Amino acid sequence: MAFVLTFLLGIANFAAHKAVLESGHPMIARIPLMRSRPFGDRFGPVSLILEFILLFATMLFLSEGYHAIAWVYALYSLSNIASAWALLTGRI
């Protein structure tokens, strides 16, 4: 169950991250990691690659029985989604 919920949180993270990248917010334009594309358009920005690596590592830890990592990833995801909401609604 933790595996499925973590995967769903990962999808929500990617959706929020993509929405923030496409928002055109001036704060995002100032962060080099958010717009650098060392692999061209093939893989997207480095920030999305790091997001994938984090989700993949979390899933690997879960498959090895480290279920506490699901709580850590849930807190990380909720903070990401909350900050994306604040940025996209103009609160920041």
N, C-alpha and C. Protein backbone atom coordinates (compact mmCIF):
# COMPACT_ATOMS: atom_id res chain seq x y z
N MET A 1 0.82 -1.19 0.00
CA MET A 1 0.00 0.00 0.00
C MET A 1 0.87 1.26 0.00
N ALA A 2 1.95 1.24 0.78
CA ALA A 2 2.85 2.40 0.83
C ALA A 2 3.48 2.64 -0.54
N PHE A 3 3.73 1.55 -1.27
CA PHE A 3 4.32 1.65 -2.60
C PHE A 3 3.39 2.41 -3.55
N VAL A 4 2.11 2.07 -3.53
CA VAL A 4 1.13 2.71 -4.42
C VAL A 4 0.94 4.17 -4.03
N LEU A 5 0.82 4.45 -2.74
CA LEU A 5 0.63 5.83 -2.30
C LEU A 5 1.85 6.70 -2.63
N THR A 6 3.03 6.13 -2.47
CA THR A 6 4.25 6.87 -2.82
C THR A 6 4.29 7.16 -4.31
N PHE A 7 3.90 6.19 -5.11
CA PHE A 7 3.87 6.40 -6.56
C PHE A 7 2.87 7.50 -6.93
N LEU A 8 1.69 7.49 -6.30
CA LEU A 8 0.69 8.53 -6.56
C LEU A 8 1.18 9.90 -6.11
N LEU A 9 1.87 9.95 -4.97
CA LEU A 9 2.47 11.22 -4.54
C LEU A 9 3.54 11.69 -5.52
N GLY A 10 4.27 10.74 -6.09
CA GLY A 10 5.27 11.08 -7.10
C GLY A 10 4.63 11.70 -8.33
N ILE A 11 3.50 11.16 -8.75
CA ILE A 11 2.77 11.73 -9.89
C ILE A 11 2.33 13.15 -9.56
N ALA A 12 1.81 13.34 -8.35
CA ALA A 12 1.39 14.68 -7.93
C ALA A 12 2.58 15.64 -7.89
N ASN A 13 3.72 15.15 -7.43
CA ASN A 13 4.94 15.98 -7.40
C ASN A 13 5.34 16.42 -8.81
N PHE A 14 5.34 15.47 -9.74
CA PHE A 14 5.70 15.81 -11.12
C PHE A 14 4.72 16.81 -11.72
N ALA A 15 3.43 16.63 -11.46
CA ALA A 15 2.43 17.55 -12.00
C ALA A 15 2.62 18.95 -11.43
N ALA A 16 2.84 19.04 -10.12
CA ALA A 16 3.05 20.34 -9.48
C ALA A 16 4.33 20.99 -9.99
N HIS A 17 5.37 20.19 -10.11
CA HIS A 17 6.67 20.69 -10.58
C HIS A 17 6.56 21.23 -12.00
N LYS A 18 5.89 20.47 -12.87
CA LYS A 18 5.72 20.89 -14.26
C LYS A 18 4.89 22.18 -14.34
N ALA A 19 3.84 22.27 -13.53
CA ALA A 19 3.01 23.48 -13.53
C ALA A 19 3.82 24.69 -13.08
N VAL A 20 4.67 24.51 -12.09
CA VAL A 20 5.51 25.61 -11.61
C VAL A 20 6.51 26.02 -12.69
N LEU A 21 7.11 25.04 -13.36
CA LEU A 21 8.08 25.35 -14.42
C LEU A 21 7.42 26.13 -15.56
N GLU A 22 6.19 25.79 -15.88
CA GLU A 22 5.49 26.44 -16.99
C GLU A 22 4.78 27.72 -16.59
N SER A 23 4.81 28.06 -15.30
CA SER A 23 4.07 29.23 -14.83
C SER A 23 4.70 30.56 -15.27
N GLY A 24 5.98 30.54 -15.54
CA GLY A 24 6.66 31.77 -15.92
C GLY A 24 6.88 32.73 -14.76
N HIS A 25 6.81 32.22 -13.56
CA HIS A 25 7.00 33.06 -12.36
C HIS A 25 8.43 33.59 -12.35
N PRO A 26 8.61 34.88 -12.03
CA PRO A 26 9.97 35.46 -12.05
C PRO A 26 10.93 34.81 -11.06
N MET A 27 10.43 34.28 -9.97
CA MET A 27 11.30 33.62 -9.00
C MET A 27 11.93 32.36 -9.61
N ILE A 28 11.18 31.64 -10.41
CA ILE A 28 11.68 30.42 -11.05
C ILE A 28 12.74 30.77 -12.09
N ALA A 29 12.55 31.87 -12.77
CA ALA A 29 13.52 32.29 -13.80
C ALA A 29 14.89 32.59 -13.20
N ARG A 30 14.94 32.91 -11.91
CA ARG A 30 16.21 33.23 -11.25
C ARG A 30 16.96 32.01 -10.73
N ILE A 31 16.35 30.85 -10.76
CA ILE A 31 16.98 29.63 -10.23
C ILE A 31 17.56 28.84 -11.41
N PRO A 32 18.89 28.78 -11.54
CA PRO A 32 19.50 28.12 -12.70
C PRO A 32 19.13 26.64 -12.82
N LEU A 33 19.00 25.94 -11.71
CA LEU A 33 18.70 24.52 -11.74
C LEU A 33 17.33 24.24 -12.36
N MET A 34 16.42 25.19 -12.24
CA MET A 34 15.07 24.98 -12.74
C MET A 34 14.99 25.09 -14.26
N ARG A 35 15.96 25.73 -14.90
CA ARG A 35 15.84 25.90 -16.34
C ARG A 35 16.99 25.29 -17.13
N SER A 36 18.04 24.81 -16.46
CA SER A 36 19.17 24.25 -17.20
C SER A 36 18.78 22.89 -17.79
N ARG A 37 19.19 22.67 -19.02
CA ARG A 37 18.88 21.43 -19.74
C ARG A 37 20.19 20.87 -20.32
N PRO A 38 20.98 20.16 -19.51
CA PRO A 38 22.26 19.66 -20.01
C PRO A 38 22.12 18.58 -21.07
N PHE A 39 20.95 17.92 -21.13
CA PHE A 39 20.73 16.86 -22.11
C PHE A 39 19.80 17.31 -23.23
N GLY A 40 19.62 18.61 -23.38
CA GLY A 40 18.73 19.14 -24.41
C GLY A 40 17.28 18.92 -24.03
N ASP A 41 16.43 18.82 -25.03
CA ASP A 41 15.00 18.62 -24.78
C ASP A 41 14.65 17.16 -24.55
N ARG A 42 15.62 16.30 -24.61
CA ARG A 42 15.36 14.87 -24.48
C ARG A 42 14.88 14.49 -23.08
N PHE A 43 15.46 15.06 -22.04
CA PHE A 43 15.12 14.68 -20.67
C PHE A 43 14.48 15.79 -19.85
N GLY A 44 14.48 16.99 -20.32
CA GLY A 44 13.88 18.08 -19.56
C GLY A 44 14.88 18.73 -18.62
N PRO A 45 14.39 19.64 -17.79
CA PRO A 45 15.28 20.36 -16.88
C PRO A 45 15.90 19.43 -15.82
N VAL A 46 17.02 19.84 -15.29
CA VAL A 46 17.71 19.06 -14.26
C VAL A 46 16.81 18.85 -13.05
N SER A 47 15.99 19.83 -12.73
CA SER A 47 15.12 19.71 -11.55
C SER A 47 14.14 18.54 -11.69
N LEU A 48 13.63 18.29 -12.90
CA LEU A 48 12.74 17.15 -13.10
C LEU A 48 13.51 15.83 -13.04
N ILE A 49 14.74 15.83 -13.50
CA ILE A 49 15.57 14.63 -13.41
C ILE A 49 15.84 14.30 -11.95
N LEU A 50 16.16 15.32 -11.15
CA LEU A 50 16.38 15.09 -9.72
C LEU A 50 15.11 14.61 -9.02
N GLU A 51 13.98 15.13 -9.45
CA GLU A 51 12.69 14.70 -8.89
C GLU A 51 12.47 13.20 -9.18
N PHE A 52 12.80 12.77 -10.39
CA PHE A 52 12.67 11.36 -10.75
C PHE A 52 13.62 10.50 -9.92
N ILE A 53 14.86 10.94 -9.77
CA ILE A 53 15.84 10.17 -9.00
C ILE A 53 15.37 10.01 -7.55
N LEU A 54 14.81 11.06 -6.99
CA LEU A 54 14.31 11.00 -5.62
C LEU A 54 13.16 10.01 -5.49
N LEU A 55 12.23 10.03 -6.44
CA LEU A 55 11.12 9.07 -6.42
C LEU A 55 11.63 7.65 -6.60
N PHE A 56 12.55 7.46 -7.53
CA PHE A 56 13.11 6.13 -7.79
C PHE A 56 13.83 5.58 -6.56
N ALA A 57 14.63 6.41 -5.91
CA ALA A 57 15.34 5.98 -4.70
C ALA A 57 14.36 5.63 -3.59
N THR A 58 13.31 6.42 -3.45
CA THR A 58 12.30 6.14 -2.43
C THR A 58 11.63 4.80 -2.70
N MET A 59 11.31 4.53 -3.96
CA MET A 59 10.68 3.25 -4.31
C MET A 59 11.64 2.07 -4.05
N LEU A 60 12.93 2.29 -4.31
CA LEU A 60 13.90 1.23 -4.03
C LEU A 60 13.98 0.95 -2.53
N PHE A 61 14.02 2.00 -1.71
CA PHE A 61 14.04 1.81 -0.26
C PHE A 61 12.78 1.10 0.21
N LEU A 62 11.64 1.46 -0.35
CA LEU A 62 10.39 0.80 0.03
C LEU A 62 10.42 -0.68 -0.34
N SER A 63 10.96 -1.00 -1.50
CA SER A 63 11.02 -2.40 -1.92
C SER A 63 11.94 -3.22 -1.03
N GLU A 64 12.89 -2.56 -0.37
CA GLU A 64 13.80 -3.25 0.55
C GLU A 64 13.27 -3.30 1.98
N GLY A 65 12.09 -2.74 2.21
CA GLY A 65 11.47 -2.84 3.52
C GLY A 65 11.63 -1.63 4.42
N TYR A 66 12.19 -0.56 3.93
CA TYR A 66 12.34 0.66 4.73
C TYR A 66 11.08 1.52 4.60
N HIS A 67 10.06 1.15 5.35
CA HIS A 67 8.75 1.79 5.19
C HIS A 67 8.69 3.20 5.78
N ALA A 68 9.61 3.55 6.65
CA ALA A 68 9.61 4.90 7.21
C ALA A 68 9.90 5.95 6.14
N ILE A 69 10.57 5.54 5.07
CA ILE A 69 10.87 6.48 3.99
C ILE A 69 9.60 6.99 3.33
N ALA A 70 8.53 6.21 3.40
CA ALA A 70 7.25 6.65 2.82
C ALA A 70 6.74 7.89 3.54
N TRP A 71 6.90 7.95 4.86
CA TRP A 71 6.49 9.14 5.61
C TRP A 71 7.34 10.34 5.24
N VAL A 72 8.62 10.12 5.08
CA VAL A 72 9.53 11.21 4.70
C VAL A 72 9.15 11.74 3.32
N TYR A 73 8.89 10.83 2.39
CA TYR A 73 8.52 11.25 1.03
C TYR A 73 7.15 11.92 1.03
N ALA A 74 6.24 11.47 1.89
CA ALA A 74 4.92 12.10 1.99
C ALA A 74 5.05 13.54 2.48
N LEU A 75 5.88 13.77 3.49
CA LEU A 75 6.11 15.14 3.98
C LEU A 75 6.75 16.01 2.90
N TYR A 76 7.72 15.44 2.20
CA TYR A 76 8.37 16.16 1.11
C TYR A 76 7.35 16.52 0.03
N SER A 77 6.51 15.56 -0.34
CA SER A 77 5.51 15.80 -1.38
C SER A 77 4.50 16.85 -0.96
N LEU A 78 4.03 16.76 0.26
CA LEU A 78 3.05 17.73 0.73
C LEU A 78 3.64 19.14 0.77
N SER A 79 4.90 19.25 1.16
CA SER A 79 5.52 20.58 1.16
C SER A 79 5.72 21.09 -0.27
N ASN A 80 6.06 20.20 -1.20
CA ASN A 80 6.18 20.60 -2.61
C ASN A 80 4.85 21.06 -3.17
N ILE A 81 3.81 20.31 -2.90
CA ILE A 81 2.48 20.64 -3.42
C ILE A 81 1.99 21.95 -2.81
N ALA A 82 2.23 22.14 -1.52
CA ALA A 82 1.81 23.38 -0.87
C ALA A 82 2.57 24.59 -1.42
N SER A 83 3.86 24.43 -1.66
CA SER A 83 4.62 25.56 -2.20
C SER A 83 4.23 25.83 -3.65
N ALA A 84 3.93 24.79 -4.42
CA ALA A 84 3.46 24.99 -5.79
C ALA A 84 2.12 25.72 -5.79
N TRP A 85 1.24 25.34 -4.88
CA TRP A 85 -0.06 26.01 -4.77
C TRP A 85 0.14 27.49 -4.43
N ALA A 86 1.02 27.78 -3.48
CA ALA A 86 1.27 29.17 -3.08
C ALA A 86 1.85 29.97 -4.24
N LEU A 87 2.75 29.37 -4.99
CA LEU A 87 3.36 30.07 -6.11
C LEU A 87 2.36 30.29 -7.25
N LEU A 88 1.57 29.27 -7.56
CA LEU A 88 0.65 29.35 -8.70
C LEU A 88 -0.56 30.23 -8.42
N THR A 89 -0.93 30.38 -7.16
CA THR A 89 -2.09 31.22 -6.83
C THR A 89 -1.69 32.66 -6.53
N GLY A 90 -0.40 32.96 -6.65
CA GLY A 90 0.05 34.33 -6.45
C GLY A 90 0.27 34.72 -5.01
N ARG A 91 0.31 33.78 -4.12
CA ARG A 91 0.55 34.08 -2.71
C ARG A 91 2.03 34.38 -2.46
N ILE A 92 2.88 33.95 -3.38
CA ILE A 92 4.32 34.24 -3.30
C ILE A 92 4.68 35.11 -4.48
